[in-house]
Amino acid sequence: RLCPCTKKGAEWMLGSRGASCTETCKNKGASCDDEALQTVDTGSEIESVAEAAGRPCSSGMKTVSWGYDHNPGICTAATCCGSGSCTGACAFGKTSGRSCSSKDPSYSRLCPCIGGDQAPSTTQSPIDTTTQSPPTKVVKQVSLPSWHWGSSIYGASSSAGHSWYARVFTLLHEPPLDWQMGVAGTWMTPTNIEFDVCACDPNGWPSATKGDPSKGCCENDSKCDWLYSTIEGGPGYWSGSQLPTSTMKWRMVVTTACYENGGQTPLFFYGGKVAECKYTGVIQISNRMLLSPDGITFSRQGLYGVSFVRTSIGKTHDDDPRNFWTYAVDADNFAGPVAYLLPEMFKERP
């Protein structure tokens, strides 16, 4: 007979936890299709192949862009992310080392198999929902102290403002736990202000706070003036992030009244808490780059240009004497002003 035969495409299979795609497909009498393996590099694509393999992505995060050689795969161990908080997450991040032979003891790989018995199995590598035998390597979740990664560049003074480039990079292999680490950024404070009384509450923080490095500052010549109001901003990892990432984020913080008040994003404090009207002193300018309630995220590592400069943006009439601190950036996909600060915000007193 003359038969209209066509080549059958790869079918996606879920491997046993810790098995490679080479092993998974071989157990079905098939072979791993490396070309198809390389095509999965988005959240929607891995959701599609996970459904085809009979095991949908199921954690709170659902899909994650973490880059591993054993992707695409599903973390099926009870200890995923240390506490099991991302068990069931589908990882799709692409690396140059992705191959059929790669494997990881915590992951069940999603494998494109050609030939053999290709019926998807729904019984392989169940996600742990009950108490498991202790793993060979005990993973302990730790609570780390928050800290700041400083720099030796300080002391610049200018009435026009400051600009610099900050290096944004991936310090951690996976998104961090509830932990905070700031990298060198800006800490702008006002100058030419003489305080005849303490800038902060002499009976409160920090002057009367036992153990604080600034204890007693109300009693010396500075009168705590460096804490009166600040404009701060820089990259880092932040406690309370709703959408933690392995690459650090960038945040801006404006403080007034010795850190009693201030602003962060146009309508929210970081973490998503709605700001009262008196704290909405950060005014969004750009309709292309948003100061979001969880910080600015980055798709890759690199240099991020930042400036806080005095501009006329925000003036309401020709005779308006005010100037405004304006936040502008330089990135690959956007360059220009993002937001400005209302001067009235700095009138807050302790």
C-alpha atoms as a PDB file:
ATOM      1  CA  ARG A   1       0.000   0.000   0.000  1.00  0.00           C
ATOM      2  CA  LEU A   2       0.960   3.623  -0.459  1.00  0.00           C
ATOM      3  CA  CYS A   3       0.495   5.225   2.989  1.00  0.00           C
ATOM      4  CA  PRO A   4       0.342   8.983   3.834  1.00  0.00           C
ATOM      5  CA  CYS A   5       2.695   8.799   6.814  1.00  0.00           C
ATOM      6  CA  THR A   6       3.862  11.892   8.702  1.00  0.00           C
ATOM      7  CA  LYS A   7       6.389  12.219  11.488  1.00  0.00           C
ATOM      8  CA  LYS A   8       4.706  12.360  14.892  1.00  0.00           C
ATOM      9  CA  GLY A   9       5.757  15.271  17.058  1.00  0.00           C
ATOM     10  CA  ALA A  10       7.217  14.952  20.531  1.00  0.00           C
ATOM     11  CA  GLU A  11       4.841  14.300  23.420  1.00  0.00           C
ATOM     12  CA  TRP A  12       5.502  15.875  26.795  1.00  0.00           C
ATOM     13  CA  MET A  13       6.085  13.553  29.733  1.00  0.00           C
ATOM     14  CA  LEU A  14       6.618  14.247  33.432  1.00  0.00           C
ATOM     15  CA  GLY A  15       9.710  12.463  34.710  1.00  0.00           C
ATOM     16  CA  SER A  16      10.301  11.001  38.137  1.00  0.00           C
ATOM     17  CA  ARG A  17      11.845  13.390  40.635  1.00  0.00           C
ATOM     18  CA  GLY A  18      15.607  13.514  40.100  1.00  0.00           C
ATOM     19  CA  ALA A  19      15.501  11.825  36.674  1.00  0.00           C
ATOM     20  CA  SER A  20      16.877  13.332  33.461  1.00  0.00           C
ATOM     21  CA  CYS A  21      14.832  13.606  30.275  1.00  0.00           C
ATOM     22  CA  THR A  22      17.185  11.096  28.659  1.00  0.00           C
ATOM     23  CA  GLU A  23      16.233   8.579  31.367  1.00  0.00           C
ATOM     24  CA  THR A  24      12.537   9.504  31.350  1.00  0.00           C
ATOM     25  CA  CYS A  25      12.116   9.050  27.610  1.00  0.00           C
ATOM     26  CA  LYS A  26      14.254   5.894  27.556  1.00  0.00           C
ATOM     27  CA  ASN A  27      11.964   4.284  30.162  1.00  0.00           C
ATOM     28  CA  LYS A  28       9.129   4.769  27.661  1.00  0.00           C
ATOM     29  CA  GLY A  29      11.153   3.298  24.801  1.00  0.00           C
ATOM     30  CA  ALA A  30      11.549   6.779  23.340  1.00  0.00           C
ATOM     31  CA  SER A  31      14.238   9.416  22.963  1.00  0.00           C
ATOM     32  CA  CYS A  32      14.412  13.016  24.164  1.00  0.00           C
ATOM     33  CA  ASP A  33      13.865  15.718  21.529  1.00  0.00           C
ATOM     34  CA  ASP A  34      16.481  18.356  22.392  1.00  0.00           C
ATOM     35  CA  GLU A  35      15.157  20.777  19.777  1.00  0.00           C
ATOM     36  CA  ALA A  36      11.692  20.806  21.389  1.00  0.00           C
ATOM     37  CA  LEU A  37      13.270  21.019  24.849  1.00  0.00           C
ATOM     38  CA  GLN A  38      14.901  24.349  23.951  1.00  0.00           C
ATOM     39  CA  THR A  39      11.625  26.001  22.885  1.00  0.00           C
ATOM     40  CA  VAL A  40      10.091  26.389  26.360  1.00  0.00           C
ATOM     41  CA  ASP A  41      11.188  29.717  27.849  1.00  0.00           C
ATOM     42  CA  THR A  42       8.034  31.587  28.906  1.00  0.00           C
ATOM     43  CA  GLY A  43       5.427  31.123  31.609  1.00  0.00           C
ATOM     44  CA  SER A  44       2.635  30.420  29.132  1.00  0.00           C
ATOM     45  CA  GLU A  45       4.732  27.834  27.277  1.00  0.00           C
ATOM     46  CA  ILE A  46       5.621  25.847  30.394  1.00  0.00           C
ATOM     47  CA  GLU A  47       2.000  25.946  31.569  1.00  0.00           C
ATOM     48  CA  SER A  48       1.003  24.456  28.220  1.00  0.00           C
ATOM     49  CA  VAL A  49       3.529  21.585  28.323  1.00  0.00           C
ATOM     50  CA  ALA A  50       2.775  20.891  31.998  1.00  0.00           C
ATOM     51  CA  GLU A  51      -0.909  20.500  31.128  1.00  0.00           C
ATOM     52  CA  ALA A  52       0.048  18.218  28.226  1.00  0.00           C
ATOM     53  CA  ALA A  53       2.131  16.077  30.609  1.00  0.00           C
ATOM     54  CA  GLY A  54      -0.811  15.752  32.998  1.00  0.00           C
ATOM     55  CA  ARG A  55       0.632  17.826  35.855  1.00  0.00           C
ATOM     56  CA  PRO A  56      -0.421  21.522  35.845  1.00  0.00           C
ATOM     57  CA  CYS A  57       1.716  24.129  37.616  1.00  0.00           C
ATOM     58  CA  SER A  58       0.192  24.406  41.074  1.00  0.00           C
ATOM     59  CA  SER A  59       2.118  26.530  43.616  1.00  0.00           C
ATOM     60  CA  GLY A  60       1.153  30.059  44.631  1.00  0.00           C
ATOM     61  CA  MET A  61       3.803  31.345  42.216  1.00  0.00           C
ATOM     62  CA  LYS A  62       2.658  28.893  39.503  1.00  0.00           C
ATOM     63  CA  THR A  63       5.480  29.680  37.040  1.00  0.00           C
ATOM     64  CA  VAL A  64       8.940  31.107  37.794  1.00  0.00           C
ATOM     65  CA  SER A  65      11.738  32.323  35.528  1.00  0.00           C
ATOM     66  CA  TRP A  66      14.584  30.793  37.564  1.00  0.00           C
ATOM     67  CA  GLY A  67      17.273  29.638  35.158  1.00  0.00           C
ATOM     68  CA  TYR A  68      18.420  26.018  35.570  1.00  0.00           C
ATOM     69  CA  ASP A  69      20.042  23.518  33.188  1.00  0.00           C
ATOM     70  CA  HIS A  70      17.280  21.039  34.125  1.00  0.00           C
ATOM     71  CA  ASN A  71      14.427  23.277  32.943  1.00  0.00           C
ATOM     72  CA  PRO A  72      11.638  23.012  32.045  1.00  0.00           C
ATOM     73  CA  GLY A  73      10.606  21.245  35.228  1.00  0.00           C
ATOM     74  CA  ILE A  74       8.377  21.213  38.298  1.00  0.00           C
ATOM     75  CA  CYS A  75       9.759  21.428  41.834  1.00  0.00           C
ATOM     76  CA  THR A  76       8.068  18.421  43.467  1.00  0.00           C
ATOM     77  CA  ALA A  77      10.083  18.033  46.681  1.00  0.00           C
ATOM     78  CA  ALA A  78       8.575  18.942  50.052  1.00  0.00           C
ATOM     79  CA  THR A  79      11.564  21.249  50.679  1.00  0.00           C
ATOM     80  CA  CYS A  80      11.227  23.502  47.597  1.00  0.00           C
ATOM     81  CA  CYS A  81      12.470  27.006  48.567  1.00  0.00           C
ATOM     82  CA  GLY A  82      13.465  25.534  51.932  1.00  0.00           C
ATOM     83  CA  SER A  83      10.000  25.655  53.490  1.00  0.00           C
ATOM     84  CA  GLY A  84       7.998  24.035  50.665  1.00  0.00           C
ATOM     85  CA  SER A  85       6.429  27.395  49.760  1.00  0.00           C
ATOM     86  CA  CYS A  86       7.100  26.874  46.054  1.00  0.00           C
ATOM     87  CA  THR A  87       6.408  23.136  45.777  1.00  0.00           C
ATOM     88  CA  GLY A  88       4.536  22.677  42.499  1.00  0.00           C
ATOM     89  CA  ALA A  89       6.118  25.711  40.797  1.00  0.00           C
ATOM     90  CA  CYS A  90       7.086  25.308  37.137  1.00  0.00           C
ATOM     91  CA  ALA A  91      10.548  26.728  36.312  1.00  0.00           C
ATOM     92  CA  PHE A  92      11.206  27.799  32.719  1.00  0.00           C
ATOM     93  CA  GLY A  93      14.298  30.087  32.766  1.00  0.00           C
ATOM     94  CA  LYS A  94      16.708  29.378  29.895  1.00  0.00           C
ATOM     95  CA  THR A  95      20.411  28.656  30.359  1.00  0.00           C
ATOM     96  CA  SER A  96      23.094  27.789  27.841  1.00  0.00           C
ATOM     97  CA  GLY A  97      23.558  24.436  29.589  1.00  0.00           C
ATOM     98  CA  ARG A  98      19.981  23.159  29.162  1.00  0.00           C
ATOM     99  CA  SER A  99      20.075  19.579  27.907  1.00  0.00           C
ATOM    100  CA  CYS A 100      18.209  16.274  27.950  1.00  0.00           C
ATOM    101  CA  SER A 101      20.751  14.786  30.375  1.00  0.00           C
ATOM    102  CA  SER A 102      20.478  17.462  33.102  1.00  0.00           C
ATOM    103  CA  LYS A 103      18.668  16.631  36.358  1.00  0.00           C
ATOM    104  CA  ASP A 104      18.061  17.859  39.891  1.00  0.00           C
ATOM    105  CA  PRO A 105      17.037  15.887  43.004  1.00  0.00           C
ATOM    106  CA  SER A 106      14.193  18.311  43.813  1.00  0.00           C
ATOM    107  CA  TYR A 107      12.695  18.589  40.324  1.00  0.00           C
ATOM    108  CA  SER A 108      10.581  16.442  38.029  1.00  0.00           C
ATOM    109  CA  ARG A 109      11.511  17.385  34.477  1.00  0.00           C
ATOM    110  CA  LEU A 110       9.028  18.052  31.684  1.00  0.00           C
ATOM    111  CA  CYS A 111      10.410  16.057  28.768  1.00  0.00           C
ATOM    112  CA  PRO A 112       9.577  16.020  25.035  1.00  0.00           C
ATOM    113  CA  CYS A 113       9.780  12.344  24.013  1.00  0.00           C
ATOM    114  CA  ILE A 114       9.725  10.917  20.472  1.00  0.00           C
ATOM    115  CA  GLY A 115       8.736   7.323  19.704  1.00  0.00           C
ATOM    116  CA  GLY A 116       7.854   4.470  22.092  1.00  0.00           C
ATOM    117  CA  ASP A 117       4.955   4.402  24.571  1.00  0.00           C
ATOM    118  CA  GLN A 118       4.197   8.125  24.834  1.00  0.00           C
ATOM    119  CA  ALA A 119       0.950   8.126  26.790  1.00  0.00           C
ATOM    120  CA  PRO A 120       1.375  10.845  29.435  1.00  0.00           C
ATOM    121  CA  SER A 121       1.548   9.476  32.944  1.00  0.00           C
ATOM    122  CA  THR A 122      -0.397  11.102  35.785  1.00  0.00           C
ATOM    123  CA  THR A 123       1.089   8.918  38.507  1.00  0.00           C
ATOM    124  CA  GLN A 124       4.765   9.838  38.305  1.00  0.00           C
ATOM    125  CA  SER A 125       6.465  12.074  40.882  1.00  0.00           C
ATOM    126  CA  PRO A 126       3.515  13.091  43.043  1.00  0.00           C
ATOM    127  CA  ILE A 127       3.918  16.448  44.697  1.00  0.00           C
ATOM    128  CA  ASP A 128       4.571  15.925  48.385  1.00  0.00           C
ATOM    129  CA  THR A 129       1.494  16.784  50.446  1.00  0.00           C
ATOM    130  CA  THR A 130       2.229  14.535  53.422  1.00  0.00           C
ATOM    131  CA  THR A 131       5.142  14.100  55.768  1.00  0.00           C
ATOM    132  CA  GLN A 132       8.126  12.683  53.894  1.00  0.00           C
ATOM    133  CA  SER A 133      11.132  10.754  55.088  1.00  0.00           C
ATOM    134  CA  PRO A 134      13.937  13.157  56.000  1.00  0.00           C
ATOM    135  CA  PRO A 135      15.910  14.175  52.902  1.00  0.00           C
ATOM    136  CA  THR A 136      19.535  13.157  52.600  1.00  0.00           C
ATOM    137  CA  LYS A 137      20.549  16.794  52.971  1.00  0.00           C
ATOM    138  CA  VAL A 138      18.635  18.673  55.638  1.00  0.00           C
ATOM    139  CA  VAL A 139      17.623  22.156  54.454  1.00  0.00           C
ATOM    140  CA  LYS A 140      17.179  24.626  57.296  1.00  0.00           C
ATOM    141  CA  GLN A 141      15.337  27.901  56.887  1.00  0.00           C
ATOM    142  CA  VAL A 142      17.258  30.629  58.653  1.00  0.00           C
ATOM    143  CA  SER A 143      16.356  34.152  59.691  1.00  0.00           C
ATOM    144  CA  LEU A 144      19.097  36.535  58.622  1.00  0.00           C
ATOM    145  CA  PRO A 145      19.709  40.032  59.975  1.00  0.00           C
ATOM    146  CA  SER A 146      19.097  42.927  57.611  1.00  0.00           C
ATOM    147  CA  TRP A 147      22.156  44.857  56.488  1.00  0.00           C
ATOM    148  CA  HIS A 148      23.429  47.491  54.083  1.00  0.00           C
ATOM    149  CA  TRP A 149      26.176  47.086  51.505  1.00  0.00           C
ATOM    150  CA  GLY A 150      27.799  50.508  51.655  1.00  0.00           C
ATOM    151  CA  SER A 151      30.300  52.319  49.453  1.00  0.00           C
ATOM    152  CA  SER A 152      33.151  54.710  50.122  1.00  0.00           C
ATOM    153  CA  ILE A 153      31.691  57.506  47.970  1.00  0.00           C
ATOM    154  CA  TYR A 154      30.069  60.150  50.139  1.00  0.00           C
ATOM    155  CA  GLY A 155      30.128  63.817  51.042  1.00  0.00           C
ATOM    156  CA  ALA A 156      29.168  65.329  47.646  1.00  0.00           C
ATOM    157  CA  SER A 157      27.226  68.587  47.911  1.00  0.00           C
ATOM    158  CA  SER A 158      25.178  70.307  45.197  1.00  0.00           C
ATOM    159  CA  SER A 159      22.060  72.454  45.042  1.00  0.00           C
ATOM    160  CA  ALA A 160      21.339  71.129  41.538  1.00  0.00           C
ATOM    161  CA  GLY A 161      21.149  67.468  42.504  1.00  0.00           C
ATOM    162  CA  HIS A 162      23.057  64.251  41.922  1.00  0.00           C
ATOM    163  CA  SER A 163      23.219  61.519  39.293  1.00  0.00           C
ATOM    164  CA  TRP A 164      25.023  58.181  39.108  1.00  0.00           C
ATOM    165  CA  TYR A 165      24.848  54.651  37.716  1.00  0.00           C
ATOM    166  CA  ALA A 166      24.022  51.769  40.027  1.00  0.00           C
ATOM    167  CA  ARG A 167      24.926  48.167  39.273  1.00  0.00           C
ATOM    168  CA  VAL A 168      21.856  45.910  39.465  1.00  0.00           C
ATOM    169  CA  PHE A 169      22.750  42.231  39.705  1.00  0.00           C
ATOM    170  CA  THR A 170      21.518  38.806  40.769  1.00  0.00           C
ATOM    171  CA  LEU A 171      23.049  37.958  44.127  1.00  0.00           C
ATOM    172  CA  LEU A 172      20.793  35.014  45.018  1.00  0.00           C
ATOM    173  CA  HIS A 173      19.987  31.776  43.203  1.00  0.00           C
ATOM    174  CA  GLU A 174      16.317  31.922  44.181  1.00  0.00           C
ATOM    175  CA  PRO A 175      14.061  34.700  45.522  1.00  0.00           C
ATOM    176  CA  PRO A 176      14.989  35.464  49.139  1.00  0.00           C
ATOM    177  CA  LEU A 177      13.021  34.776  52.285  1.00  0.00           C
ATOM    178  CA  ASP A 178      11.701  37.703  54.345  1.00  0.00           C
ATOM    179  CA  TRP A 179      15.054  39.460  54.402  1.00  0.00           C
ATOM    180  CA  GLN A 180      16.431  42.906  53.630  1.00  0.00           C
ATOM    181  CA  MET A 181      19.751  43.892  52.100  1.00  0.00           C
ATOM    182  CA  GLY A 182      20.349  47.326  50.597  1.00  0.00           C
ATOM    183  CA  VAL A 183      23.141  48.084  48.138  1.00  0.00           C
ATOM    184  CA  ALA A 184      24.922  51.440  47.958  1.00  0.00           C
ATOM    185  CA  GLY A 185      22.563  54.163  46.746  1.00  0.00           C
ATOM    186  CA  THR A 186      21.738  57.741  47.674  1.00  0.00           C
ATOM    187  CA  TRP A 187      21.081  59.359  51.015  1.00  0.00           C
ATOM    188  CA  MET A 188      20.480  63.057  50.371  1.00  0.00           C
ATOM    189  CA  THR A 189      19.999  65.402  53.327  1.00  0.00           C
ATOM    190  CA  PRO A 190      19.375  69.171  53.439  1.00  0.00           C
ATOM    191  CA  THR A 191      22.217  71.582  54.188  1.00  0.00           C
ATOM    192  CA  ASN A 192      22.495  75.191  55.425  1.00  0.00           C
ATOM    193  CA  ILE A 193      19.836  74.647  58.083  1.00  0.00           C
ATOM    194  CA  GLU A 194      20.775  75.636  61.620  1.00  0.00           C
ATOM    195  CA  PHE A 195      18.652  74.047  64.311  1.00  0.00           C
ATOM    196  CA  ASP A 196      18.371  76.023  67.549  1.00  0.00           C
ATOM    197  CA  VAL A 197      16.525  73.027  69.034  1.00  0.00           C
ATOM    198  CA  CYS A 198      16.910  69.353  68.266  1.00  0.00           C
ATOM    199  CA  ALA A 199      15.671  68.284  64.806  1.00  0.00           C
ATOM    200  CA  CYS A 200      14.149  65.158  66.369  1.00  0.00           C
ATOM    201  CA  ASP A 201      12.247  64.388  69.545  1.00  0.00           C
ATOM    202  CA  PRO A 202      14.808  64.572  72.402  1.00  0.00           C
ATOM    203  CA  ASN A 203      12.715  62.068  74.369  1.00  0.00           C
ATOM    204  CA  GLY A 204      12.228  59.695  71.449  1.00  0.00           C
ATOM    205  CA  TRP A 205      14.148  58.016  68.630  1.00  0.00           C
ATOM    206  CA  PRO A 206      17.072  58.079  68.234  1.00  0.00           C
ATOM    207  CA  SER A 207      18.469  60.405  70.859  1.00  0.00           C
ATOM    208  CA  ALA A 208      16.787  58.666  73.798  1.00  0.00           C
ATOM    209  CA  THR A 209      16.875  55.125  72.374  1.00  0.00           C
ATOM    210  CA  LYS A 210      19.139  52.788  74.306  1.00  0.00           C
ATOM    211  CA  GLY A 211      21.642  50.991  72.095  1.00  0.00           C
ATOM    212  CA  ASP A 212      21.029  53.174  69.005  1.00  0.00           C
ATOM    213  CA  PRO A 213      24.281  54.451  67.398  1.00  0.00           C
ATOM    214  CA  SER A 214      22.777  57.961  67.336  1.00  0.00           C
ATOM    215  CA  LYS A 215      21.769  57.991  71.001  1.00  0.00           C
ATOM    216  CA  GLY A 216      22.354  61.434  72.477  1.00  0.00           C
ATOM    217  CA  CYS A 217      22.490  63.284  69.142  1.00  0.00           C
ATOM    218  CA  CYS A 218      20.085  65.934  70.494  1.00  0.00           C
ATOM    219  CA  GLU A 219      22.746  66.878  73.006  1.00  0.00           C
ATOM    220  CA  ASN A 220      25.618  67.473  70.580  1.00  0.00           C
ATOM    221  CA  ASP A 221      26.206  70.218  68.004  1.00  0.00           C
ATOM    222  CA  SER A 222      24.515  68.317  65.172  1.00  0.00           C
ATOM    223  CA  LYS A 223      21.159  68.230  66.975  1.00  0.00           C
ATOM    224  CA  CYS A 224      20.300  65.125  64.870  1.00  0.00           C
ATOM    225  CA  ASP A 225      20.153  67.309  61.733  1.00  0.00           C
ATOM    226  CA  TRP A 226      21.065  64.452  59.347  1.00  0.00           C
ATOM    227  CA  LEU A 227      17.833  62.654  60.293  1.00  0.00           C
ATOM    228  CA  TYR A 228      15.483  65.611  59.792  1.00  0.00           C
ATOM    229  CA  SER A 229      14.530  64.723  56.197  1.00  0.00           C
ATOM    230  CA  THR A 230      16.104  62.546  53.513  1.00  0.00           C
ATOM    231  CA  ILE A 231      15.772  61.433  49.908  1.00  0.00           C
ATOM    232  CA  GLU A 232      16.960  57.860  49.642  1.00  0.00           C
ATOM    233  CA  GLY A 233      17.034  55.280  46.872  1.00  0.00           C
ATOM    234  CA  GLY A 234      18.949  52.277  45.699  1.00  0.00           C
ATOM    235  CA  PRO A 235      18.881  48.616  44.673  1.00  0.00           C
ATOM    236  CA  GLY A 236      18.483  45.716  47.088  1.00  0.00           C
ATOM    237  CA  TYR A 237      16.249  43.007  48.512  1.00  0.00           C
ATOM    238  CA  TRP A 238      13.422  44.167  50.743  1.00  0.00           C
ATOM    239  CA  SER A 239      11.558  42.673  53.656  1.00  0.00           C
ATOM    240  CA  GLY A 240       7.827  42.383  52.998  1.00  0.00           C
ATOM    241  CA  SER A 241       8.106  42.156  49.193  1.00  0.00           C
ATOM    242  CA  GLN A 242       4.931  40.760  47.684  1.00  0.00           C
ATOM    243  CA  LEU A 243       6.703  39.664  44.504  1.00  0.00           C
ATOM    244  CA  PRO A 244      10.263  38.703  45.516  1.00  0.00           C
ATOM    245  CA  THR A 245      12.815  38.243  42.723  1.00  0.00           C
ATOM    246  CA  SER A 246      16.288  36.740  42.550  1.00  0.00           C
ATOM    247  CA  THR A 247      17.547  39.930  40.866  1.00  0.00           C
ATOM    248  CA  MET A 248      17.493  42.909  43.217  1.00  0.00           C
ATOM    249  CA  LYS A 249      14.871  45.648  42.874  1.00  0.00           C
ATOM    250  CA  TRP A 250      15.211  49.438  43.102  1.00  0.00           C
ATOM    251  CA  ARG A 251      13.271  51.559  45.599  1.00  0.00           C
ATOM    252  CA  MET A 252      12.952  55.235  46.478  1.00  0.00           C
ATOM    253  CA  VAL A 253      12.127  56.438  50.000  1.00  0.00           C
ATOM    254  CA  VAL A 254      11.471  60.037  51.062  1.00  0.00           C
ATOM    255  CA  THR A 255      11.466  60.676  54.829  1.00  0.00           C
ATOM    256  CA  THR A 256      10.296  63.653  56.866  1.00  0.00           C
ATOM    257  CA  ALA A 257      10.012  64.517  60.554  1.00  0.00           C
ATOM    258  CA  CYS A 258      12.923  62.274  61.560  1.00  0.00           C
ATOM    259  CA  TYR A 259      11.465  59.231  59.788  1.00  0.00           C
ATOM    260  CA  GLU A 260       8.022  59.659  61.335  1.00  0.00           C
ATOM    261  CA  ASN A 261       6.442  60.394  57.932  1.00  0.00           C
ATOM    262  CA  GLY A 262       7.354  60.425  54.261  1.00  0.00           C
ATOM    263  CA  GLY A 263       6.502  58.984  50.871  1.00  0.00           C
ATOM    264  CA  GLN A 264       7.509  55.998  48.761  1.00  0.00           C
ATOM    265  CA  THR A 265       5.298  55.545  45.681  1.00  0.00           C
ATOM    266  CA  PRO A 266       2.498  57.790  44.358  1.00  0.00           C
ATOM    267  CA  LEU A 267      -0.429  56.024  46.090  1.00  0.00           C
ATOM    268  CA  PHE A 268       1.036  53.244  48.219  1.00  0.00           C
ATOM    269  CA  PHE A 269       3.659  52.406  50.761  1.00  0.00           C
ATOM    270  CA  TYR A 270       5.850  49.438  49.838  1.00  0.00           C
ATOM    271  CA  GLY A 271       3.982  46.220  50.520  1.00  0.00           C
ATOM    272  CA  GLY A 272       0.755  47.590  49.043  1.00  0.00           C
ATOM    273  CA  LYS A 273      -0.599  49.597  52.007  1.00  0.00           C
ATOM    274  CA  VAL A 274      -2.667  52.547  50.776  1.00  0.00           C
ATOM    275  CA  ALA A 275      -1.090  55.887  51.724  1.00  0.00           C
ATOM    276  CA  GLU A 276      -3.077  58.651  53.409  1.00  0.00           C
ATOM    277  CA  CYS A 277      -3.487  61.858  51.421  1.00  0.00           C
ATOM    278  CA  LYS A 278      -0.846  63.695  53.477  1.00  0.00           C
ATOM    279  CA  TYR A 279       1.739  61.105  52.383  1.00  0.00           C
ATOM    280  CA  THR A 280       1.007  61.313  48.641  1.00  0.00           C
ATOM    281  CA  GLY A 281       3.854  63.703  47.909  1.00  0.00           C
ATOM    282  CA  VAL A 282       5.436  61.526  45.177  1.00  0.00           C
ATOM    283  CA  ILE A 283       3.848  62.619  41.891  1.00  0.00           C
ATOM    284  CA  GLN A 284       4.036  60.234  38.933  1.00  0.00           C
ATOM    285  CA  ILE A 285       5.099  61.856  35.639  1.00  0.00           C
ATOM    286  CA  SER A 286       5.835  59.022  33.241  1.00  0.00           C
ATOM    287  CA  ASN A 287       3.082  56.884  31.719  1.00  0.00           C
ATOM    288  CA  ARG A 288       5.672  54.332  30.595  1.00  0.00           C
ATOM    289  CA  MET A 289       7.571  53.624  33.814  1.00  0.00           C
ATOM    290  CA  LEU A 290       5.584  53.145  37.007  1.00  0.00           C
ATOM    291  CA  LEU A 291       6.821  53.519  40.569  1.00  0.00           C
ATOM    292  CA  SER A 292       5.073  50.328  41.658  1.00  0.00           C
ATOM    293  CA  PRO A 293       4.144  49.360  45.261  1.00  0.00           C
ATOM    294  CA  ASP A 294       6.776  46.598  45.333  1.00  0.00           C
ATOM    295  CA  GLY A 295       9.723  48.425  43.776  1.00  0.00           C
ATOM    296  CA  ILE A 296      11.142  48.592  40.251  1.00  0.00           C
ATOM    297  CA  THR A 297      11.966  45.172  38.822  1.00  0.00           C
ATOM    298  CA  PHE A 298      14.623  44.337  36.218  1.00  0.00           C
ATOM    299  CA  SER A 299      14.612  41.684  33.497  1.00  0.00           C
ATOM    300  CA  ARG A 300      18.390  41.336  33.549  1.00  0.00           C
ATOM    301  CA  GLN A 301      21.578  42.540  35.220  1.00  0.00           C
ATOM    302  CA  GLY A 302      23.281  45.778  34.232  1.00  0.00           C
ATOM    303  CA  LEU A 303      23.804  49.476  34.967  1.00  0.00           C
ATOM    304  CA  TYR A 304      20.827  51.605  35.960  1.00  0.00           C
ATOM    305  CA  GLY A 305      21.202  55.372  35.646  1.00  0.00           C
ATOM    306  CA  VAL A 306      19.558  57.361  38.448  1.00  0.00           C
ATOM    307  CA  SER A 307      19.335  61.069  39.195  1.00  0.00           C
ATOM    308  CA  PHE A 308      17.603  63.352  41.681  1.00  0.00           C
ATOM    309  CA  VAL A 309      17.740  66.855  40.168  1.00  0.00           C
ATOM    310  CA  ARG A 310      15.966  70.159  40.750  1.00  0.00           C
ATOM    311  CA  THR A 311      13.618  70.998  37.854  1.00  0.00           C
ATOM    312  CA  SER A 312      10.658  73.272  37.122  1.00  0.00           C
ATOM    313  CA  ILE A 313       8.411  70.244  36.506  1.00  0.00           C
ATOM    314  CA  GLY A 314       5.399  70.722  38.766  1.00  0.00           C
ATOM    315  CA  LYS A 315       5.104  74.510  38.627  1.00  0.00           C
ATOM    316  CA  THR A 316       1.470  75.576  38.473  1.00  0.00           C
ATOM    317  CA  HIS A 317       1.873  79.117  37.059  1.00  0.00           C
ATOM    318  CA  ASP A 318       4.514  81.446  35.589  1.00  0.00           C
ATOM    319  CA  ASP A 319       5.260  83.124  38.909  1.00  0.00           C
ATOM    320  CA  ASP A 320       5.519  79.876  40.897  1.00  0.00           C
ATOM    321  CA  PRO A 321       8.839  80.244  42.811  1.00  0.00           C
ATOM    322  CA  ARG A 322       9.119  76.554  43.683  1.00  0.00           C
ATOM    323  CA  ASN A 323      11.529  74.014  42.219  1.00  0.00           C
ATOM    324  CA  PHE A 324      10.984  70.303  42.563  1.00  0.00           C
ATOM    325  CA  TRP A 325      13.250  67.373  43.241  1.00  0.00           C
ATOM    326  CA  THR A 326      12.730  65.170  40.181  1.00  0.00           C
ATOM    327  CA  TYR A 327      13.603  61.495  39.840  1.00  0.00           C
ATOM    328  CA  ALA A 328      14.928  60.619  36.357  1.00  0.00           C
ATOM    329  CA  VAL A 329      16.439  57.384  35.062  1.00  0.00           C
ATOM    330  CA  ASP A 330      18.445  55.946  32.187  1.00  0.00           C
ATOM    331  CA  ALA A 331      17.710  52.319  31.234  1.00  0.00           C
ATOM    332  CA  ASP A 332      17.754  50.324  27.984  1.00  0.00           C
ATOM    333  CA  ASN A 333      14.005  50.654  27.423  1.00  0.00           C
ATOM    334  CA  PHE A 334      13.310  54.036  29.048  1.00  0.00           C
ATOM    335  CA  ALA A 335      15.138  57.299  29.765  1.00  0.00           C
ATOM    336  CA  GLY A 336      13.647  60.418  31.274  1.00  0.00           C
ATOM    337  CA  PRO A 337      11.814  61.847  34.280  1.00  0.00           C
ATOM    338  CA  VAL A 338       9.643  59.408  36.254  1.00  0.00           C
ATOM    339  CA  ALA A 339       8.275  61.383  39.218  1.00  0.00           C
ATOM    340  CA  TYR A 340       8.762  64.540  41.272  1.00  0.00           C
ATOM    341  CA  LEU A 341       8.390  65.386  44.960  1.00  0.00           C
ATOM    342  CA  LEU A 342       6.015  67.996  46.362  1.00  0.00           C
ATOM    343  CA  PRO A 343       7.970  70.470  48.541  1.00  0.00           C
ATOM    344  CA  GLU A 344       5.044  70.602  50.976  1.00  0.00           C
ATOM    345  CA  MET A 345       5.848  67.051  52.027  1.00  0.00           C
ATOM    346  CA  PHE A 346       9.020  68.300  53.766  1.00  0.00           C
ATOM    347  CA  LYS A 347       7.081  70.655  56.061  1.00  0.00           C
ATOM    348  CA  GLU A 348       6.199  67.766  58.367  1.00  0.00           C
ATOM    349  CA  ARG A 349       7.678  68.199  61.882  1.00  0.00           C
ATOM    350  CA  PRO A 350       8.411  65.600  64.596  1.00  0.00           C
END
